[in-house]
Every structure is written in C-alpha cells, then in structure tokens.
Amino acid sequence: MLKRQLNSFFKLEEHQTSIRTEIVAGLTTFLTMAYIIFVNPSVLAQAGMDQGAVFVATCLAAAIGCLIMGLLANYPIALAPGMGLNAFFTFGVVLGMGYTWQAALGAVFLSGVIFLLLSIFRIREWIINSIPISLRLGIAAGIGLFLAIIALQNAGIVVDHPATLLTIGDIAQPAALYTLGGFFVIAALAHLRVMGAVMIGILGVTVISILLGHSEFGGVVSMPPSMGPVFLQLDIAGALDISMISVVFAFLFVDLFDTAGTLVGVAQRGGLLDKDGKLPRLNKALMADSTATMTGALLGTSSTTSYIESASGITSGGRTGLTAVVVAGLFLISLFFAPLAGSIPVYATAGALLYVAVLMCGSLARADWDDVTEAAPVLVAALSMPLTYSIANGIALGFISYAAIKALSGRFRELSPAVTVLAILFALKYLFLD
C-alpha cells in the first residue's frame, strides 16, 4: 500500500527509479553535506548565538527545506544553511558591521520574502539574465576566498600585523596543525571519491584532538537542546534600517544565484531538464528555497539554500523528491547528536571551510581573462570580499567596476539596465551613506 502511494506521489516509475534507489541516494546526499550540522553552529556561535540552539535550528531548517523541495517540487535536491552566507552573517554583518545577530536574522528573513516574491511573479529570470556571467563567477570565487581567510584566521595560520595588515602565524601550534591536517585529509579523500570526505575529516580531527587532550568530549547522543535562545529572535525592524539595504541585497543576491546555478547544474547531471534545456517546475523549486530561508530565519539560522552536494545523490540514482525526503529524515535523526556537535572544536571545521573555499574558487577558471573589461570586475569582486571582510562590499564593488569599465571602454550596449541601476545605487551608497 505504502509502496504504491509513494510510487504514485513521486512518480517513481515515470522517472525510472525505485524506493530503494531513492533511499540510497538520500543517504549518499546526506553524508556529503552532513558537515553543515557541525560547521554552521560553530560559525554562528562566533556571532554570539547559542551553539546548541543553532544546532537544532540547523537540523530543522535543513529538514523543512528538504521536505518542501521533495513534496512541493518533487526534485532530489537537498537544502541546508549555506556556506559563505553563514560566514557573511557572522564575520561580515555582526562582527564586521556591528549589527546584532537578531537584526542579521531579520535581514535573512527579508531576503527570503523578496526571493519568494521574485519567484511568484517570475521576475527571477529577468534578473539572472541581466547579470553578466563574469560578475557571477567573481562573486562565487570571492565567497570562496572569504571562507578561506576565515578558516586561516580561525586556525591561527594567518594573523594581523600592524605594518602589513596580515602575516603568517605560528604554524607549529595545535590549531594550525589540526586545520592543515584535516584539510589535507579531506582533499585527498575527495580526490579518491570517498563518501563523506568532509565529515570524515572533521570527525577525525575531533577524535585525535580529544585523545591528545586538546579538546573535551561532550558525549554523542542526548535529547536535543532548547531552541529558546534563538527561536523567533529575529529583529525585522532593525533589518529595515536603511544602512541594512546592502546586507539584505547581499543575502538575496547570493542565495538567488547560488540556488539557480545549483538547480540547473544538478538537474542537468541527473537528466531532469526538458527538451529545451529548461527545468520543469522551476518556480516551485525556487519557492521551496525561499520558504526554507524564511523558515530558517524564524528558527534561528542564516540563509537556507540548495546544496550542490545533491549531485552525489543524483549520481547514485536519485531522481525524485523522495531522495530529498530521505535527507530530511536523516537531518531529524541528527537532532539527537547535539553533544557530538558540541565536541567539535573550531579548528576541526576550519579545514572543511578551506576545502569548500577550493571548490568555490574553481569558478575563476571559467572567466574570460582575455577580455580585460570582463576579467577586471571578476578580480575586483573576488578580492574585495576577503580584503574588506564583506560579501556585500564585493558584490557592490564588482557591479561598480563592471559598469564603469564597460562605459569608459565605449561598450555601453553590454550594460543591462539592471547592472547600470545597481552600480549607480551602490556608488551613491558609498558616496553619501557610508
């Protein structure tokens, strides 16, 4: 009876898959992205948020996002709080700009609302088509470099210097050695296509550090901690401050393009695109993503987005939303592993951040380095993020440089109205609001 209902709802036979295949695919996807339940609480805790509560919010936001994607859009795509966006939340908005984490959650919620409206009114296609590929590549790489500098700082490998701003730290100290060791192991395992390479690296470093007395073991299983410290704590009024406009836009922009790129890329790998190369039910998938972001902000975590790691499950045969539903179930089970998550030291997740940075910086290879009017904005956007410690600044300076260089080169026709307007608005912000 259940088998027939699942087959009917998810259209398993139509997609040439089975319940067993979808379960295996869901487990595969979960193992490749489960590191987020350790990394996200560690990152947001540095913004002053309760780590145990964020752990619960992370698991619930991921589970709800996966359920919505699986049941509404029927796609084997998993969601969870996004890497890069959580770093911007903590190090850019809270520690960098001085806003409260409650206001930052409000900004995340507003970005989700705008994302949902863009999806409902089908404005998303116009926006994405208006933004040049070079800016998208530069922004993706910039987020990667941003994650890298955070990882290196957390490990004490890079430290501040009064004369040169940055310099190398003490590589011989335990945090640096654990970070580098974890990163080397993760990269090697990933090359060897070992399932769950990132999670193995994080847990491996944690176990060794506990055995050597460099960190404490808090246990493995318990009842989930209270969500009270972060649940419904978002400050929407604080996020409506005019100075927060660029922050809301940064959350929206990164989530929008990250989601669109992930959906199309993963769907292409799984043969889910139609004969015209388009993704059926795209709006439902985008609505699932935006709703998950809003829900995550209410629960107490940074932006929830679609994960490129979903490709691992699709490679294992996942073709329907049942895969995403399985992932949701596994995130719910993870709620009972809070003590283990609390035992993970910062340097154990730093290696994972560095590995994710490597993946994101790969977008630089696709830039057109022979055309300086395209290459220069890529470099400006990419370098601005780590050097100004802000994704928002990287996006703004990328747009300004792209519009200015194209205009001064006499290539006005290559400037879309959206890029021109945004570049002017960003320039005005720096001239009169900062």
Protein backbone atom coordinates (compact mmCIF):
# COMPACT_ATOMS: atom_id res chain seq x y z
CA MET A 1 0.00 0.00 0.00
CA LEU A 2 2.72 2.46 1.05
CA LYS A 3 4.87 1.43 -1.90
CA ARG A 4 2.03 2.14 -4.31
CA GLN A 5 1.33 5.53 -2.70
CA LEU A 6 4.98 6.58 -2.85
CA ASN A 7 5.21 5.47 -6.46
CA SER A 8 2.10 7.44 -7.34
CA PHE A 9 3.04 10.63 -5.46
CA PHE A 10 6.69 10.85 -6.52
CA LYS A 11 6.13 9.25 -9.96
CA LEU A 12 8.94 6.77 -9.38
CA GLU A 13 8.24 4.56 -12.41
CA GLU A 14 7.94 7.59 -14.68
CA HIS A 15 11.42 8.68 -13.55
CA GLN A 16 12.77 5.13 -13.87
CA THR A 17 13.74 4.78 -10.22
CA SER A 18 12.68 2.79 -7.14
CA ILE A 19 12.16 3.31 -3.42
CA ARG A 20 15.43 1.52 -2.64
CA THR A 21 17.37 3.64 -5.12
CA GLU A 22 15.89 6.84 -3.72
CA ILE A 23 16.77 5.83 -0.15
CA VAL A 24 20.38 5.08 -1.14
CA ALA A 25 20.55 8.40 -3.00
CA GLY A 26 19.19 10.25 0.03
CA LEU A 27 21.76 8.65 2.32
CA THR A 28 24.53 9.50 -0.15
CA THR A 29 23.50 13.16 -0.36
CA PHE A 30 23.21 13.42 3.42
CA LEU A 31 26.69 12.01 4.01
CA THR A 32 28.24 14.53 1.62
CA MET A 33 26.55 17.54 3.26
CA ALA A 34 26.17 16.46 6.90
CA TYR A 35 29.24 18.53 7.79
CA ILE A 36 26.93 21.56 7.93
CA ILE A 37 25.41 20.37 11.22
CA PHE A 38 28.86 20.76 12.77
CA VAL A 39 30.15 23.79 10.85
CA ASN A 40 27.09 26.06 10.95
CA PRO A 41 26.69 26.11 14.76
CA SER A 42 30.44 26.69 15.09
CA VAL A 43 30.33 29.69 12.71
CA LEU A 44 27.16 31.31 14.11
CA ALA A 45 28.29 30.80 17.71
CA GLN A 46 31.05 33.32 16.98
CA ALA A 47 28.29 35.88 16.37
CA GLY A 48 27.14 35.37 19.97
CA MET A 49 24.39 32.85 19.25
CA ASP A 50 23.82 29.80 21.45
CA GLN A 51 25.62 26.90 19.75
CA GLY A 52 23.22 24.19 20.92
CA ALA A 53 20.17 26.16 19.82
CA VAL A 54 21.75 26.88 16.42
CA PHE A 55 22.50 23.17 16.04
CA VAL A 56 18.79 22.39 16.44
CA ALA A 57 17.82 25.26 14.13
CA THR A 58 20.28 23.99 11.51
CA CYS A 59 18.88 20.46 11.54
CA LEU A 60 15.26 21.65 11.49
CA ALA A 61 15.82 24.26 8.76
CA ALA A 62 17.54 21.64 6.61
CA ALA A 63 14.81 19.06 7.25
CA ILE A 64 12.00 21.50 6.49
CA GLY A 65 13.75 22.79 3.36
CA CYS A 66 14.29 19.24 2.07
CA LEU A 67 10.68 18.31 2.79
CA ILE A 68 9.33 21.34 0.92
CA MET A 69 11.62 20.68 -2.04
CA GLY A 70 10.72 16.99 -2.12
CA LEU A 71 6.97 17.29 -1.59
CA LEU A 72 6.30 20.53 -3.50
CA ALA A 73 8.78 20.44 -6.39
CA ASN A 74 9.50 16.67 -6.44
CA TYR A 75 13.22 17.16 -7.00
CA PRO A 76 16.09 15.16 -5.42
CA ILE A 77 17.73 18.37 -4.22
CA ALA A 78 18.61 18.88 -0.55
CA LEU A 79 18.74 22.18 1.31
CA ALA A 80 20.52 23.41 4.43
CA PRO A 81 22.02 26.66 5.79
CA GLY A 82 24.51 27.76 3.16
CA MET A 83 28.26 28.02 3.49
CA GLY A 84 29.52 31.51 2.74
CA LEU A 85 26.21 33.03 3.75
CA ASN A 86 26.73 31.89 7.34
CA ALA A 87 30.26 33.34 7.29
CA PHE A 88 28.95 36.65 5.93
CA PHE A 89 26.27 36.60 8.64
CA THR A 90 28.83 36.25 11.43
CA PHE A 91 32.02 37.90 10.24
CA GLY A 92 30.55 40.45 7.83
CA VAL A 93 27.28 41.65 9.33
CA VAL A 94 27.64 41.00 13.08
CA LEU A 95 31.37 41.22 13.83
CA GLY A 96 32.28 43.40 10.84
CA MET A 97 29.42 45.91 10.66
CA GLY A 98 28.43 45.75 14.30
CA TYR A 99 24.78 44.72 13.89
CA THR A 100 23.13 42.37 16.35
CA TRP A 101 22.62 38.77 15.28
CA GLN A 102 18.91 39.38 15.76
CA ALA A 103 18.98 42.13 13.12
CA ALA A 104 21.04 39.87 10.85
CA LEU A 105 18.34 37.18 11.17
CA GLY A 106 15.80 39.86 10.25
CA ALA A 107 17.81 40.63 7.11
CA VAL A 108 17.85 36.93 6.21
CA PHE A 109 14.08 36.76 6.64
CA LEU A 110 13.51 39.84 4.45
CA SER A 111 15.79 38.42 1.75
CA GLY A 112 13.67 35.25 1.80
CA VAL A 113 10.46 37.27 1.44
CA ILE A 114 11.86 39.17 -1.55
CA PHE A 115 13.14 35.92 -3.06
CA LEU A 116 9.66 34.40 -2.70
CA LEU A 117 8.03 37.41 -4.38
CA LEU A 118 10.54 37.28 -7.23
CA SER A 119 9.68 33.61 -7.70
CA ILE A 120 5.91 34.12 -7.56
CA PHE A 121 5.93 36.99 -10.06
CA ARG A 122 8.56 35.28 -12.27
CA ILE A 123 11.00 38.20 -12.12
CA ARG A 124 13.89 35.86 -11.32
CA GLU A 125 14.60 35.05 -14.98
CA TRP A 126 14.88 38.73 -15.88
CA ILE A 127 17.29 39.42 -13.01
CA ILE A 128 19.54 36.44 -13.68
CA ASN A 129 19.65 37.11 -17.41
CA SER A 130 20.53 40.76 -16.71
CA ILE A 131 23.60 40.00 -14.61
CA PRO A 132 26.74 39.16 -16.65
CA ILE A 133 28.34 35.78 -16.11
CA SER A 134 31.66 37.40 -15.17
CA LEU A 135 30.13 39.02 -12.09
CA ARG A 136 28.54 35.76 -11.05
CA LEU A 137 31.89 33.98 -11.37
CA GLY A 138 33.70 36.70 -9.43
CA ILE A 139 31.14 36.62 -6.63
CA ALA A 140 31.33 32.82 -6.31
CA ALA A 141 35.13 32.94 -6.15
CA GLY A 142 35.03 35.85 -3.72
CA ILE A 143 32.87 33.87 -1.32
CA GLY A 144 35.39 31.06 -1.56
CA LEU A 145 38.28 33.41 -0.73
CA PHE A 146 36.20 34.86 2.12
CA LEU A 147 35.76 31.38 3.58
CA ALA A 148 39.48 30.72 3.14
CA ILE A 149 40.59 33.79 5.08
CA ILE A 150 38.14 32.95 7.88
CA ALA A 151 39.42 29.37 8.05
CA LEU A 152 43.05 30.50 8.15
CA GLN A 153 42.30 33.06 10.86
CA ASN A 154 40.34 30.57 12.98
CA ALA A 155 43.34 28.25 12.82
CA GLY A 156 45.83 30.99 13.69
CA ILE A 157 47.65 30.37 10.41
CA VAL A 158 47.02 33.97 9.34
CA VAL A 159 47.18 36.72 11.97
CA ASP A 160 47.02 40.51 11.95
CA HIS A 161 50.14 42.66 11.65
CA PRO A 162 50.42 46.44 12.27
CA ALA A 163 52.63 47.04 9.24
CA THR A 164 51.45 44.54 6.63
CA LEU A 165 47.85 44.01 7.89
CA LEU A 166 48.29 40.22 7.67
CA THR A 167 51.14 37.80 8.25
CA ILE A 168 51.70 34.12 8.94
CA GLY A 169 51.05 32.86 12.46
CA ASP A 170 52.61 30.06 14.46
CA ILE A 171 52.20 27.00 12.23
CA ALA A 172 53.55 24.74 14.97
CA GLN A 173 50.64 25.40 17.35
CA PRO A 174 47.97 22.64 17.60
CA ALA A 175 45.09 24.56 15.98
CA ALA A 176 47.12 25.24 12.83
CA LEU A 177 48.38 21.65 12.61
CA TYR A 178 44.89 20.21 13.09
CA THR A 179 43.44 22.55 10.46
CA LEU A 180 46.08 21.75 7.87
CA GLY A 181 45.94 18.04 8.63
CA GLY A 182 42.14 18.00 8.33
CA PHE A 183 42.29 19.95 5.08
CA PHE A 184 44.90 17.61 3.58
CA VAL A 185 42.86 14.54 4.53
CA ILE A 186 39.59 15.96 3.19
CA ALA A 187 41.18 16.97 -0.12
CA ALA A 188 42.84 13.56 -0.52
CA LEU A 189 39.65 11.64 0.33
CA ALA A 190 37.63 13.83 -2.02
CA HIS A 191 40.10 13.08 -4.82
CA LEU A 192 39.72 9.38 -4.08
CA ARG A 193 35.92 9.85 -4.20
CA VAL A 194 35.44 8.60 -0.64
CA MET A 195 31.86 9.11 0.55
CA GLY A 196 31.51 11.76 3.28
CA ALA A 197 35.10 13.02 2.92
CA VAL A 198 34.40 16.34 4.65
CA MET A 199 32.60 14.73 7.59
CA ILE A 200 35.36 12.12 7.97
CA GLY A 201 37.94 14.90 8.11
CA ILE A 202 36.01 16.87 10.74
CA LEU A 203 35.35 13.85 12.95
CA GLY A 204 38.88 12.53 12.50
CA VAL A 205 40.46 15.78 13.70
CA THR A 206 37.98 15.91 16.60
CA VAL A 207 38.78 12.37 17.77
CA ILE A 208 42.56 12.95 17.59
CA SER A 209 42.33 16.28 19.43
CA ILE A 210 40.25 14.66 22.19
CA LEU A 211 42.66 11.74 22.55
CA LEU A 212 45.61 14.13 22.77
CA GLY A 213 43.84 16.30 25.34
CA HIS A 214 43.46 19.40 23.16
CA SER A 215 39.64 19.39 23.31
CA GLU A 216 36.94 17.93 25.51
CA PHE A 217 34.50 15.14 24.70
CA GLY A 218 30.89 16.08 25.45
CA GLY A 219 29.24 12.81 24.51
CA VAL A 220 27.46 11.52 21.42
CA VAL A 221 23.71 11.23 21.92
CA SER A 222 21.17 13.14 24.02
CA MET A 223 17.82 14.84 23.75
CA PRO A 224 18.00 17.95 21.51
CA PRO A 225 18.91 21.17 23.37
CA SER A 226 16.41 24.02 23.67
CA MET A 227 15.86 26.32 20.70
CA GLY A 228 14.69 29.07 23.03
CA PRO A 229 17.80 31.29 22.78
CA VAL A 230 17.39 31.76 19.00
CA PHE A 231 13.80 30.77 18.13
CA LEU A 232 11.77 33.75 16.82
CA GLN A 233 14.52 36.13 17.97
CA LEU A 234 14.87 37.89 14.61
CA ASP A 235 14.69 41.70 14.63
CA ILE A 236 12.87 42.68 11.44
CA ALA A 237 12.59 46.33 12.49
CA GLY A 238 16.37 46.51 12.90
CA ALA A 239 16.82 44.94 9.48
CA LEU A 240 14.67 47.66 7.89
CA ASP A 241 17.29 50.29 8.73
CA ILE A 242 18.45 51.99 5.53
CA SER A 243 22.05 51.01 6.22
CA MET A 244 20.98 47.34 6.09
CA ILE A 245 19.77 47.54 2.48
CA SER A 246 23.08 46.30 1.10
CA VAL A 247 23.08 43.44 3.62
CA VAL A 248 19.59 42.28 2.63
CA PHE A 249 20.57 42.57 -1.02
CA ALA A 250 23.75 40.56 -0.46
CA PHE A 251 21.84 37.72 1.23
CA LEU A 252 19.25 37.81 -1.58
CA PHE A 253 21.73 38.05 -4.43
CA VAL A 254 23.99 35.23 -3.27
CA ASP A 255 21.06 32.94 -2.42
CA LEU A 256 19.32 33.68 -5.72
CA PHE A 257 22.27 32.92 -7.98
CA ASP A 258 23.61 30.08 -5.86
CA THR A 259 20.20 28.41 -5.94
CA ALA A 260 19.64 28.95 -9.65
CA GLY A 261 23.09 27.64 -10.52
CA THR A 262 22.74 24.63 -8.24
CA LEU A 263 19.29 23.70 -9.53
CA VAL A 264 20.26 23.85 -13.18
CA GLY A 265 23.65 22.19 -12.66
CA VAL A 266 22.31 19.32 -10.56
CA ALA A 267 19.27 18.84 -12.81
CA GLN A 268 21.49 18.69 -15.88
CA ARG A 269 23.62 15.98 -14.32
CA GLY A 270 20.51 13.96 -13.49
CA GLY A 271 18.87 14.39 -16.90
CA LEU A 272 15.97 16.31 -15.34
CA LEU A 273 15.92 19.16 -17.89
CA ASP A 274 13.29 19.18 -20.62
CA LYS A 275 13.99 19.09 -24.37
CA ASP A 276 14.55 22.86 -24.38
CA GLY A 277 17.16 22.62 -21.62
CA LYS A 278 14.85 24.17 -19.02
CA LEU A 279 13.97 22.88 -15.58
CA PRO A 280 10.29 21.96 -15.22
CA ARG A 281 8.63 23.21 -12.01
CA LEU A 282 11.50 25.68 -11.56
CA ASN A 283 9.27 28.18 -9.78
CA LYS A 284 8.18 25.54 -7.28
CA ALA A 285 11.83 24.72 -6.58
CA LEU A 286 12.64 28.41 -6.08
CA MET A 287 9.61 28.85 -3.83
CA ALA A 288 10.81 25.90 -1.77
CA ASP A 289 14.23 27.52 -1.40
CA SER A 290 12.89 30.96 -0.45
CA THR A 291 10.37 29.48 2.00
CA ALA A 292 13.16 27.48 3.62
CA THR A 293 15.21 30.66 4.05
CA MET A 294 12.31 32.42 5.77
CA THR A 295 11.64 29.39 7.98
CA GLY A 296 15.31 29.09 8.88
CA ALA A 297 15.43 32.74 9.97
CA LEU A 298 12.42 32.16 12.22
CA LEU A 299 14.08 29.08 13.70
CA GLY A 300 17.36 30.92 14.25
CA THR A 301 19.86 30.27 11.45
CA SER A 302 21.33 32.02 8.41
CA SER A 303 20.06 31.59 4.84
CA THR A 304 18.99 28.09 3.80
CA THR A 305 19.84 27.21 0.22
CA SER A 306 20.05 24.33 -2.27
CA TYR A 307 23.22 22.23 -1.98
CA ILE A 308 25.42 21.29 -4.90
CA GLU A 309 26.24 18.13 -2.91
CA SER A 310 22.83 16.89 -4.08
CA ALA A 311 24.66 15.86 -7.24
CA SER A 312 26.19 12.95 -5.30
CA GLY A 313 22.72 11.53 -4.62
CA ILE A 314 21.68 12.03 -8.22
CA THR A 315 24.81 10.21 -9.33
CA SER A 316 23.63 7.34 -7.09
CA GLY A 317 20.32 7.22 -8.95
CA GLY A 318 18.10 9.73 -7.13
CA ARG A 319 15.55 11.26 -9.49
CA THR A 320 12.56 12.37 -7.39
CA GLY A 321 11.61 14.27 -4.27
CA LEU A 322 11.72 11.04 -2.28
CA THR A 323 15.50 11.46 -2.16
CA ALA A 324 15.08 14.89 -0.52
CA VAL A 325 12.51 13.47 1.92
CA VAL A 326 15.02 10.80 2.99
CA VAL A 327 17.62 13.52 3.59
CA ALA A 328 15.06 15.40 5.69
CA GLY A 329 14.51 12.33 7.84
CA LEU A 330 18.26 11.93 8.41
CA PHE A 331 18.58 15.58 9.49
CA LEU A 332 15.78 15.00 12.00
CA ILE A 333 17.62 11.96 13.38
CA SER A 334 20.73 14.15 13.68
CA LEU A 335 18.92 16.27 16.29
CA PHE A 336 19.88 13.69 18.88
CA PHE A 337 23.63 14.10 18.22
CA ALA A 338 23.98 17.55 19.79
CA PRO A 339 26.70 16.50 22.28
CA LEU A 340 28.85 15.27 19.39
CA ALA A 341 28.35 18.57 17.54
CA GLY A 342 29.31 20.45 20.70
CA SER A 343 32.54 18.47 20.94
CA ILE A 344 33.75 19.69 17.53
CA PRO A 345 36.48 22.34 18.02
CA VAL A 346 36.71 25.35 15.70
CA TYR A 347 39.92 24.10 14.10
CA ALA A 348 38.20 20.84 13.12
CA THR A 349 35.75 22.79 10.95
CA ALA A 350 38.40 25.21 9.66
CA GLY A 351 39.83 22.54 7.37
CA ALA A 352 36.35 21.93 5.96
CA LEU A 353 35.90 25.65 5.31
CA LEU A 354 39.20 25.71 3.46
CA TYR A 355 38.13 22.77 1.30
CA VAL A 356 34.79 24.41 0.42
CA ALA A 357 36.79 27.53 -0.50
CA VAL A 358 38.79 25.49 -3.01
CA LEU A 359 35.60 24.28 -4.67
CA MET A 360 34.12 27.78 -4.92
CA CYS A 361 37.28 29.37 -6.29
CA GLY A 362 37.12 26.95 -9.22
CA SER A 363 34.73 29.38 -10.90
CA LEU A 364 37.71 31.62 -11.75
CA ALA A 365 38.74 29.12 -14.42
CA ARG A 366 35.60 29.97 -16.41
CA ALA A 367 36.25 33.72 -16.53
CA ASP A 368 37.26 35.36 -19.82
CA TRP A 369 40.77 36.54 -18.93
CA ASP A 370 41.45 37.68 -22.50
CA ASP A 371 38.84 40.47 -22.18
CA VAL A 372 40.00 42.92 -19.53
CA THR A 373 36.54 44.53 -19.32
CA GLU A 374 35.25 41.15 -18.11
CA ALA A 375 38.32 39.99 -16.17
CA ALA A 376 38.89 43.16 -14.13
CA PRO A 377 35.44 43.13 -12.44
CA VAL A 378 35.91 39.42 -11.67
CA LEU A 379 39.13 40.18 -9.79
CA VAL A 380 37.66 43.24 -8.04
CA ALA A 381 34.62 41.30 -6.81
CA ALA A 382 36.67 38.26 -5.77
CA LEU A 383 39.42 40.14 -3.90
CA SER A 384 37.12 42.69 -2.28
CA MET A 385 35.25 40.09 -0.24
CA PRO A 386 38.16 38.70 1.82
CA LEU A 387 40.05 42.01 1.97
CA THR A 388 37.04 44.04 3.17
CA TYR A 389 35.63 41.07 5.11
CA SER A 390 32.27 41.51 3.42
CA ILE A 391 30.36 39.74 0.66
CA ALA A 392 28.20 42.86 0.31
CA ASN A 393 31.23 45.05 -0.47
CA GLY A 394 32.48 42.52 -3.01
CA ILE A 395 29.16 42.50 -4.83
CA ALA A 396 28.88 46.30 -4.78
CA LEU A 397 32.44 46.98 -5.99
CA GLY A 398 32.04 44.28 -8.64
CA PHE A 399 28.97 45.99 -10.08
CA ILE A 400 30.54 49.45 -9.93
CA SER A 401 33.75 48.33 -11.64
CA TYR A 402 31.87 46.39 -14.33
CA ALA A 403 29.65 49.34 -15.25
CA ALA A 404 32.47 51.90 -15.10
CA ILE A 405 34.94 49.88 -17.19
CA LYS A 406 32.34 48.98 -19.83
CA ALA A 407 31.16 52.61 -20.06
CA LEU A 408 34.66 54.06 -20.29
CA SER A 409 35.52 51.48 -22.96
CA GLY A 410 32.60 52.61 -25.08
CA ARG A 411 30.79 49.28 -24.73
CA PHE A 412 27.54 50.72 -23.39
CA ARG A 413 25.42 48.13 -25.22
CA GLU A 414 26.80 45.40 -22.99
CA LEU A 415 25.39 47.09 -19.90
CA SER A 416 21.92 45.87 -18.96
CA PRO A 417 19.53 48.30 -17.21
CA ALA A 418 19.72 46.19 -14.04
CA VAL A 419 23.53 46.36 -13.85
CA THR A 420 23.55 50.10 -14.57
CA VAL A 421 20.93 50.92 -11.94
CA LEU A 422 22.55 48.73 -9.29
CA ALA A 423 26.01 50.16 -9.99
CA ILE A 424 24.69 53.71 -9.58
CA LEU A 425 22.87 52.83 -6.36
CA PHE A 426 25.95 51.15 -4.90
CA ALA A 427 28.12 54.15 -5.85
CA LEU A 428 25.66 56.54 -4.22
CA LYS A 429 25.67 54.42 -1.08
CA TYR A 430 29.46 54.65 -0.74
CA LEU A 431 29.50 58.36 -1.54
CA PHE A 432 26.68 59.51 0.73
CA LEU A 433 25.65 56.78 3.19
CA ASP A 434 28.91 55.24 4.43
